[in-house]
Protein backbone atom coordinates (compact mmCIF):
# COMPACT_ATOMS: atom_id res chain seq x y z
CA MET A 1 -91.37 -21.55 82.26
CA ALA A 2 -88.33 -21.41 79.97
CA ILE A 3 -84.99 -22.81 81.19
CA LYS A 4 -82.03 -20.43 80.91
CA VAL A 5 -78.28 -21.07 80.73
CA HIS A 6 -77.66 -19.54 84.16
CA ASP A 7 -80.15 -22.01 85.65
CA LEU A 8 -78.22 -25.10 84.49
CA LYS A 9 -76.27 -27.08 87.09
CA PRO A 10 -75.02 -30.67 87.31
CA ALA A 11 -77.20 -33.36 88.89
CA GLU A 12 -76.96 -33.81 92.65
CA GLY A 13 -73.94 -35.99 93.59
CA SER A 14 -72.48 -36.13 90.10
CA THR A 15 -69.48 -33.89 90.84
CA LYS A 16 -66.96 -33.83 93.65
CA ASN A 17 -64.56 -31.14 94.74
CA ALA A 18 -60.94 -31.86 93.73
CA LYS A 19 -58.70 -33.15 96.51
CA ARG A 20 -56.45 -30.27 97.59
CA LYS A 21 -53.06 -31.90 98.06
CA GLY A 22 -49.94 -30.34 99.51
CA ARG A 23 -51.66 -27.64 101.56
CA GLY A 24 -49.88 -28.17 104.88
CA ILE A 25 -49.72 -30.96 107.49
CA GLY A 26 -53.10 -30.03 109.00
CA GLY A 27 -55.16 -32.29 106.75
CA LYS A 28 -55.12 -35.41 104.61
CA GLY A 29 -52.74 -35.16 101.61
CA GLY A 30 -50.36 -32.67 103.22
CA LYS A 31 -46.56 -32.66 103.41
CA THR A 32 -45.49 -35.18 100.68
CA ALA A 33 -48.95 -35.07 99.02
CA GLY A 34 -49.09 -38.80 98.31
CA ARG A 35 -45.79 -38.83 96.41
CA GLY A 36 -43.72 -40.73 98.96
CA THR A 37 -40.34 -39.48 100.09
CA LYS A 38 -37.46 -38.37 97.88
CA GLY A 39 -36.59 -39.47 94.37
CA GLN A 40 -37.36 -38.28 90.88
CA HIS A 41 -41.13 -38.80 91.09
CA SER A 42 -41.49 -36.72 94.25
CA ARG A 43 -39.78 -33.65 92.84
CA GLY A 44 -40.96 -31.10 90.30
CA ARG A 45 -42.93 -32.62 87.47
CA GLY A 46 -41.31 -36.02 88.11
CA LYS A 47 -41.71 -37.00 84.49
CA VAL A 48 -39.33 -38.53 81.97
CA ARG A 49 -39.70 -38.52 78.20
CA ALA A 50 -41.16 -41.51 76.40
CA GLY A 51 -38.53 -44.20 75.86
CA PHE A 52 -36.24 -42.96 78.66
CA GLU A 53 -34.81 -45.90 80.62
CA GLY A 54 -33.13 -44.12 83.51
CA GLY A 55 -29.84 -43.51 81.73
CA GLN A 56 -29.54 -47.07 80.42
CA MET A 57 -29.04 -47.21 76.67
CA PRO A 58 -32.63 -47.15 75.39
CA LEU A 59 -34.13 -49.91 73.27
CA HIS A 60 -34.51 -47.80 70.13
CA ILE A 61 -30.78 -47.07 70.16
CA ARG A 62 -29.68 -50.58 71.25
CA THR A 63 -31.32 -52.18 68.24
CA PRO A 64 -29.37 -52.26 64.97
CA LYS A 65 -30.76 -50.18 62.13
CA LEU A 66 -30.92 -50.52 58.35
CA ARG A 67 -29.35 -53.96 58.38
CA GLY A 68 -32.22 -56.36 57.84
CA PHE A 69 -31.43 -59.99 58.57
CA THR A 70 -30.15 -63.10 56.84
CA ASN A 71 -32.66 -65.89 56.46
CA PRO A 72 -30.91 -69.02 57.82
CA PHE A 73 -33.28 -71.27 55.85
CA ARG A 74 -32.75 -69.71 52.41
CA VAL A 75 -32.59 -72.20 49.55
CA GLU A 76 -30.53 -70.99 46.60
CA TYR A 77 -30.82 -72.61 43.20
CA GLN A 78 -28.59 -72.27 40.14
CA ALA A 79 -30.74 -71.41 37.15
CA ILE A 80 -30.41 -73.22 33.84
CA ASN A 81 -32.57 -72.03 30.95
CA LEU A 82 -33.92 -74.11 28.08
CA ASP A 83 -31.75 -72.28 25.53
CA THR A 84 -28.66 -73.31 27.53
CA ILE A 85 -29.84 -76.94 27.49
CA ALA A 86 -30.45 -76.72 23.72
CA GLU A 87 -26.97 -75.26 23.10
CA SER A 88 -25.27 -77.91 25.26
CA GLY A 89 -26.41 -80.68 22.89
CA LEU A 90 -27.13 -83.11 25.75
CA SER A 91 -29.96 -85.63 25.33
CA GLU A 92 -30.00 -86.42 29.04
CA VAL A 93 -29.51 -83.43 31.32
CA SER A 94 -28.50 -84.09 34.94
CA PRO A 95 -26.50 -82.14 37.54
CA GLU A 96 -23.45 -84.32 36.78
CA ALA A 97 -23.71 -83.69 33.02
CA LEU A 98 -24.10 -79.93 33.55
CA LEU A 99 -21.14 -79.93 35.95
CA GLY A 100 -19.06 -81.75 33.32
CA LYS A 101 -19.91 -79.01 30.78
CA GLY A 102 -19.03 -76.31 33.36
CA LEU A 103 -22.55 -74.87 33.42
CA VAL A 104 -23.14 -75.30 37.16
CA SER A 105 -20.98 -75.46 40.24
CA LYS A 106 -20.38 -78.51 42.41
CA ASN A 107 -23.18 -79.53 44.85
CA ALA A 108 -25.49 -76.85 43.42
CA LEU A 109 -29.27 -77.20 43.49
CA ILE A 110 -30.51 -76.78 39.93
CA LYS A 111 -33.71 -75.13 38.76
CA VAL A 112 -34.70 -75.25 35.09
CA LEU A 113 -36.28 -72.05 33.78
CA GLY A 114 -38.31 -71.54 30.61
CA ARG A 115 -36.30 -69.05 28.52
CA GLY A 116 -35.68 -70.34 25.01
CA GLU A 117 -37.00 -73.36 23.10
CA LEU A 118 -36.10 -77.02 22.71
CA SER A 119 -35.90 -78.59 19.25
CA GLY A 120 -35.85 -82.27 20.28
CA ALA A 121 -36.87 -84.55 23.15
CA VAL A 122 -34.67 -84.23 26.22
CA THR A 123 -34.72 -86.02 29.58
CA VAL A 124 -34.07 -83.44 32.30
CA LYS A 125 -33.20 -84.24 35.93
CA ALA A 126 -33.15 -81.24 38.27
CA HIS A 127 -34.18 -80.20 41.78
CA ALA A 128 -36.88 -77.76 40.59
CA PHE A 129 -38.65 -76.65 37.43
CA SER A 130 -40.61 -73.54 36.50
CA LYS A 131 -44.08 -74.21 35.07
CA SER A 132 -43.13 -72.81 31.66
CA ALA A 133 -40.00 -74.99 31.50
CA GLU A 134 -41.97 -78.08 32.50
CA GLU A 135 -44.57 -77.43 29.77
CA ALA A 136 -41.92 -76.71 27.11
CA ILE A 137 -39.97 -79.92 27.86
CA THR A 138 -43.07 -82.14 27.77
CA ALA A 139 -44.36 -80.37 24.62
CA ALA A 140 -41.06 -81.15 22.86
CA GLY A 141 -41.55 -84.85 23.72
CA GLY A 142 -39.07 -84.88 26.60
CA SER A 143 -39.51 -85.93 30.22
CA ILE A 144 -38.66 -84.39 33.58
CA GLU A 145 -37.48 -85.94 36.81
CA VAL A 146 -37.51 -83.96 40.07
CA LEU A 147 -34.48 -84.90 42.16
CA PRO A 148 -34.83 -85.07 45.97
CA LYS A 149 -33.39 -82.24 48.04
CA PRO A 150 -30.16 -83.13 49.91
CA TRP A 151 -31.78 -82.46 53.32
CA GLY A 152 -34.64 -84.94 52.80
CA ASP A 153 -38.41 -84.47 53.04
CA SER A 154 -38.55 -81.40 55.27
CA PRO A 155 -39.62 -78.22 53.45
CA ARG A 156 -36.46 -76.31 54.35
CA PRO A 157 -32.82 -77.13 55.08
CA PRO A 158 -31.34 -77.15 58.58
CA ALA A 159 -29.97 -73.77 59.67
CA GLN A 160 -26.22 -73.23 59.46
CA GLY A 161 -23.87 -70.82 61.20
CA ASN A 162 -26.34 -68.83 63.27
CA GLN A 163 -28.30 -68.79 66.53
CA HIS A 164 -30.60 -71.59 65.34
CA THR A 165 -27.78 -74.09 64.85
CA ASN A 166 -27.37 -75.64 68.33
CA ARG A 167 -30.93 -76.20 69.44
């Protein structure tokens, strides 16, 4: 015997009739229909749009936009290239010597970068070196000395002038 579409029906006990709410006080689920009394959720659709906070200024408007943030731990170096060192005519380059020549500002952290070439041996003292600068100085017969950071051994300086200051 072939089964036909009009013979199909769900398995016994697999479906239940929907609960008919709000059909009078005579039965279960009448009058307030499980919605409680009064208030926004008991009336009409009782729905609010996504992100609505009851009239309070919503989060997506409270937050600042297009401003980014300032990293409190940023370390800024003043760059000195090899061609600048060569032009200066110094045999021993240090932050004090560069400051005396007016090439860097006071209390600046100095990083030596590899643009240009050195003709002779030079001793360079700085807070950081690029790989190319390091190779060029040693290839020219010079030596490098990495100076310690002013804030000590920690990888980054203490935060200044922000919410991380007084912790």
